[in-house]
Each structure stands twice: as structure tokens, then as C-alpha cells.
C-alpha atoms as a PDB file:
ATOM      1  CA  MET A   1       0.092  -0.046   0.024  1.00  0.00           C
ATOM      2  CA  GLN A   2       1.283   3.468  -0.873  1.00  0.00           C
ATOM      3  CA  VAL A   3       0.819   5.526   2.225  1.00  0.00           C
ATOM      4  CA  LEU A   4      -0.301   9.190   1.739  1.00  0.00           C
ATOM      5  CA  ASP A   5      -0.878  10.256   5.305  1.00  0.00           C
ATOM      6  CA  ILE A   6      -0.932   9.125   8.839  1.00  0.00           C
ATOM      7  CA  ILE A   7      -3.612  10.211  11.357  1.00  0.00           C
ATOM      8  CA  ALA A   8      -3.382   9.492  14.980  1.00  0.00           C
ATOM      9  CA  ILE A   9      -6.874   9.170  16.384  1.00  0.00           C
ATOM     10  CA  SER A  10      -5.846   8.291  19.805  1.00  0.00           C
ATOM     11  CA  PRO A  11      -2.814   7.025  21.719  1.00  0.00           C
ATOM     12  CA  GLN A  12      -4.012   3.462  20.960  1.00  0.00           C
ATOM     13  CA  GLU A  13      -5.080   3.796  17.239  1.00  0.00           C
ATOM     14  CA  THR A  14      -3.794   5.301  13.990  1.00  0.00           C
ATOM     15  CA  LEU A  15      -5.205   5.554  10.542  1.00  0.00           C
ATOM     16  CA  LEU A  16      -3.065   5.057   7.447  1.00  0.00           C
ATOM     17  CA  VAL A  17      -4.531   6.698   4.286  1.00  0.00           C
ATOM     18  CA  GLY A  18      -3.375   5.489   0.881  1.00  0.00           C
ATOM     19  CA  TYR A  19      -3.899   3.368  -2.025  1.00  0.00           C
ATOM     20  CA  PRO A  20      -3.848  -0.441  -1.411  1.00  0.00           C
ATOM     21  CA  THR A  21      -1.935  -2.770  -3.712  1.00  0.00           C
ATOM     22  CA  GLU A  22      -3.231  -5.888  -2.261  1.00  0.00           C
ATOM     23  CA  THR A  23      -5.807  -7.131   0.155  1.00  0.00           C
ATOM     24  CA  LEU A  24      -5.109  -5.704   3.613  1.00  0.00           C
ATOM     25  CA  ARG A  25      -5.670  -8.475   6.258  1.00  0.00           C
ATOM     26  CA  PRO A  26      -5.461  -7.890  10.008  1.00  0.00           C
ATOM     27  CA  GLY A  27      -2.107  -8.675  11.601  1.00  0.00           C
ATOM     28  CA  PRO A  28       1.419  -7.519  11.576  1.00  0.00           C
ATOM     29  CA  TRP A  29       2.603  -5.112   8.631  1.00  0.00           C
ATOM     30  CA  GLU A  30       5.880  -3.148   8.091  1.00  0.00           C
ATOM     31  CA  LEU A  31       5.621   0.607   7.572  1.00  0.00           C
ATOM     32  CA  ARG A  32       8.697   1.529   5.291  1.00  0.00           C
ATOM     33  CA  ARG A  33      10.192   4.700   4.221  1.00  0.00           C
ATOM     34  CA  ASN A  34      12.204   4.676   1.026  1.00  0.00           C
ATOM     35  CA  GLY A  35      12.382   0.893   1.434  1.00  0.00           C
ATOM     36  CA  GLU A  36      13.657   0.952   4.960  1.00  0.00           C
ATOM     37  CA  LEU A  37      11.711  -0.480   7.851  1.00  0.00           C
ATOM     38  CA  VAL A  38      10.451   2.286  10.170  1.00  0.00           C
ATOM     39  CA  ALA A  39       7.897   0.467  12.384  1.00  0.00           C
ATOM     40  CA  THR A  40       6.011  -2.686  12.628  1.00  0.00           C
ATOM     41  CA  VAL A  41       2.296  -2.008  12.874  1.00  0.00           C
ATOM     42  CA  ASP A  42      -0.822  -4.297  13.733  1.00  0.00           C
ATOM     43  CA  VAL A  43      -3.428  -3.770  11.280  1.00  0.00           C
ATOM     44  CA  THR A  44      -6.837  -4.261  12.723  1.00  0.00           C
ATOM     45  CA  GLY A  45      -9.098  -3.660   9.821  1.00  0.00           C
ATOM     46  CA  GLN A  46     -10.121  -1.233   6.895  1.00  0.00           C
ATOM     47  CA  ALA A  47     -12.456   1.609   7.052  1.00  0.00           C
ATOM     48  CA  ALA A  48     -15.260   1.814   4.357  1.00  0.00           C
ATOM     49  CA  THR A  49     -14.845   4.955   2.108  1.00  0.00           C
ATOM     50  CA  GLU A  50     -17.048   6.261  -0.683  1.00  0.00           C
ATOM     51  CA  ALA A  51     -16.195   8.142  -3.834  1.00  0.00           C
ATOM     52  CA  ASP A  52     -17.877  11.428  -4.453  1.00  0.00           C
ATOM     53  CA  GLN A  53     -20.833  11.171  -7.003  1.00  0.00           C
ATOM     54  CA  LYS A  54     -19.006  13.590  -9.307  1.00  0.00           C
ATOM     55  CA  GLY A  55     -15.480  12.085  -8.762  1.00  0.00           C
ATOM     56  CA  LYS A  56     -13.750  10.254 -11.281  1.00  0.00           C
ATOM     57  CA  LEU A  57     -11.018   8.906  -8.971  1.00  0.00           C
ATOM     58  CA  ALA A  58     -11.258   6.205  -6.594  1.00  0.00           C
ATOM     59  CA  PRO A  59     -10.877   7.400  -2.922  1.00  0.00           C
ATOM     60  CA  PRO A  60      -7.796   6.212  -1.017  1.00  0.00           C
ATOM     61  CA  GLY A  61      -8.279   3.578   1.370  1.00  0.00           C
ATOM     62  CA  VAL A  62      -8.139   3.888   5.138  1.00  0.00           C
ATOM     63  CA  VAL A  63      -6.387   1.268   7.293  1.00  0.00           C
ATOM     64  CA  MET A  64      -6.743   1.010  11.040  1.00  0.00           C
ATOM     65  CA  CYS A  65      -3.713   0.231  13.067  1.00  0.00           C
ATOM     66  CA  ARG A  66      -3.189  -0.549  16.822  1.00  0.00           C
ATOM     67  CA  GLY A  67      -0.545   1.761  18.412  1.00  0.00           C
ATOM     68  CA  ARG A  68       0.918   5.230  17.695  1.00  0.00           C
ATOM     69  CA  ILE A  69       3.062   6.224  14.644  1.00  0.00           C
ATOM     70  CA  ASP A  70       5.020   9.568  14.804  1.00  0.00           C
ATOM     71  CA  LYS A  71       4.044  11.415  11.629  1.00  0.00           C
ATOM     72  CA  LYS A  72       6.862  13.960  12.028  1.00  0.00           C
ATOM     73  CA  GLY A  73       9.504  11.409  10.545  1.00  0.00           C
ATOM     74  CA  PHE A  74       7.834  11.338   7.227  1.00  0.00           C
ATOM     75  CA  ASP A  75       7.894  13.812   4.226  1.00  0.00           C
ATOM     76  CA  PHE A  76       5.038  12.539   2.012  1.00  0.00           C
ATOM     77  CA  THR A  77       6.032  14.770  -0.923  1.00  0.00           C
ATOM     78  CA  ARG A  78       9.778  13.435  -0.900  1.00  0.00           C
ATOM     79  CA  ASP A  79       9.487  10.015   0.681  1.00  0.00           C
ATOM     80  CA  GLU A  80       7.962   6.704  -0.667  1.00  0.00           C
ATOM     81  CA  VAL A  81       5.964   5.541   2.241  1.00  0.00           C
ATOM     82  CA  THR A  82       4.639   1.999   1.938  1.00  0.00           C
ATOM     83  CA  LEU A  83       2.920  -0.688   4.099  1.00  0.00           C
ATOM     84  CA  VAL A  84       4.148  -4.169   3.348  1.00  0.00           C
ATOM     85  CA  ARG A  85       2.827  -7.495   4.560  1.00  0.00           C
ATOM     86  CA  ILE A  86       5.110  -9.386   6.865  1.00  0.00           C
ATOM     87  CA  GLY A  87       6.060 -12.801   5.531  1.00  0.00           C
END
């Protein structure tokens, strides 16, 4: 999954916004910046999103993760941030 944004909604839960490249199943995943491991996250599910009726592009997906991720370490305009399944 190409990650476009990280949103902390509580100290226990974080949302990752982006475009999934595969089915996102609950369990451990690696958050990578430019191919290097930054954190291991526990994906708990995927939030439902809907496209705007006038919109021609599919909306990004939203993945729910257990734990907190510090967004300050990422520059989404320069870095390639991805979520990769472990194993």
C-alpha cells in the first residue's frame, strides 16, 4: 500500500491513508520509508470509504492500526512510504 498520510486518532489507534496494492488483512505489517523499515504495525481492519458522485478517481483506502506512529518522521512529498505485509 502506498501511504499518503498518517492520522493519530488516539494513543492506541492510528489511521493510514493510501492506495492499497493488495488485500489488507489484519495482523502485523511493516511501515517502510524509501524501502527501509520504520515500524511494525498491527493492522486491525479497513474503514469503508465512498467516492464522491462527481468524482472520477477512486478514493484512497483507510487502514486502522493499533498503536501510535509519529508522523513527523515522514515527508510524504519526498519519501516513498509503503505498508508491506510481513512474510
